[in-house]
Amino acid sequence: RSITDVSSIVQRLMYGVTGSGMPGWKDVVTDDQLWELAYYVQHLRETGKDLKARNELMDKLKAQQ
């Protein structure tokens, strides 16, 4: 929650969060995939601030199920 930039998101994804049950993904996916995921997470964070955009995204995700 306290992360504000994409490079910090990448770090968390690579190494996990000690004591939280969130494992690191460094040896599971490629570096490019980690960066792509980090940008996606950042996009979701920004979209979450816009309630209309968030609801549209949630509707799209629900329709895929």
Protein backbone atom coordinates (compact mmCIF):
# COMPACT_ATOMS: atom_id res chain seq x y z
CA ARG A 1 0.00 0.00 0.00
CA SER A 2 2.87 2.35 0.65
CA ILE A 3 4.51 1.78 -2.72
CA THR A 4 4.22 4.72 -5.06
CA ASP A 5 6.37 3.81 -8.06
CA VAL A 6 6.67 0.96 -10.55
CA SER A 7 10.27 0.04 -9.66
CA SER A 8 9.21 -0.55 -6.04
CA ILE A 9 6.37 -2.77 -7.22
CA VAL A 10 8.90 -4.79 -9.24
CA GLN A 11 11.07 -5.20 -6.13
CA ARG A 12 8.11 -6.52 -4.12
CA LEU A 13 7.15 -8.90 -6.90
CA MET A 14 10.73 -10.15 -7.28
CA TYR A 15 11.47 -10.79 -3.63
CA GLY A 16 8.07 -11.05 -1.98
CA VAL A 17 7.15 -9.64 1.39
CA THR A 18 8.76 -11.32 4.38
CA GLY A 19 6.27 -12.57 6.94
CA SER A 20 3.23 -11.92 4.77
CA GLY A 21 2.94 -15.18 2.88
CA MET A 22 3.65 -13.36 -0.41
CA PRO A 23 6.47 -15.25 -2.15
CA GLY A 24 8.95 -13.76 -4.56
CA TRP A 25 8.52 -14.46 -8.28
CA LYS A 26 12.09 -13.77 -9.44
CA ASP A 27 12.82 -17.36 -10.45
CA VAL A 28 9.30 -18.11 -11.66
CA VAL A 29 8.73 -15.52 -14.41
CA THR A 30 11.01 -13.41 -16.60
CA ASP A 31 12.16 -9.91 -15.71
CA ASP A 32 10.07 -8.56 -18.59
CA GLN A 33 6.98 -10.26 -17.17
CA LEU A 34 7.67 -8.77 -13.74
CA TRP A 35 7.86 -5.29 -15.23
CA GLU A 36 4.69 -5.85 -17.27
CA LEU A 37 2.87 -7.01 -14.16
CA ALA A 38 4.18 -4.03 -12.17
CA TYR A 39 2.86 -1.59 -14.77
CA TYR A 40 -0.47 -3.43 -14.72
CA VAL A 41 -0.64 -3.17 -10.92
CA GLN A 42 0.18 0.54 -11.14
CA HIS A 43 -2.59 0.95 -13.72
CA LEU A 44 -5.04 -0.78 -11.39
CA ARG A 45 -4.01 1.49 -8.54
CA GLU A 46 -4.62 4.57 -10.67
CA THR A 47 -7.90 3.21 -12.03
CA GLY A 48 -9.07 2.46 -8.50
CA LYS A 49 -9.13 6.19 -7.80
CA ASP A 50 -11.68 6.71 -10.57
CA LEU A 51 -14.84 4.94 -9.42
CA LYS A 52 -16.46 4.88 -12.86
CA ALA A 53 -13.35 3.41 -14.54
CA ARG A 54 -13.00 0.90 -11.70
CA ASN A 55 -16.59 -0.26 -12.08
CA GLU A 56 -16.18 -0.62 -15.85
CA LEU A 57 -13.05 -2.72 -15.32
CA MET A 58 -14.77 -4.91 -12.73
CA ASP A 59 -17.71 -5.44 -15.10
CA LYS A 60 -15.33 -6.55 -17.86
CA LEU A 61 -13.56 -8.95 -15.52
CA LYS A 62 -16.84 -10.43 -14.28
CA ALA A 63 -18.01 -10.94 -17.87
CA GLN A 64 -14.90 -13.05 -18.57
CA GLN A 65 -15.76 -15.57 -15.85
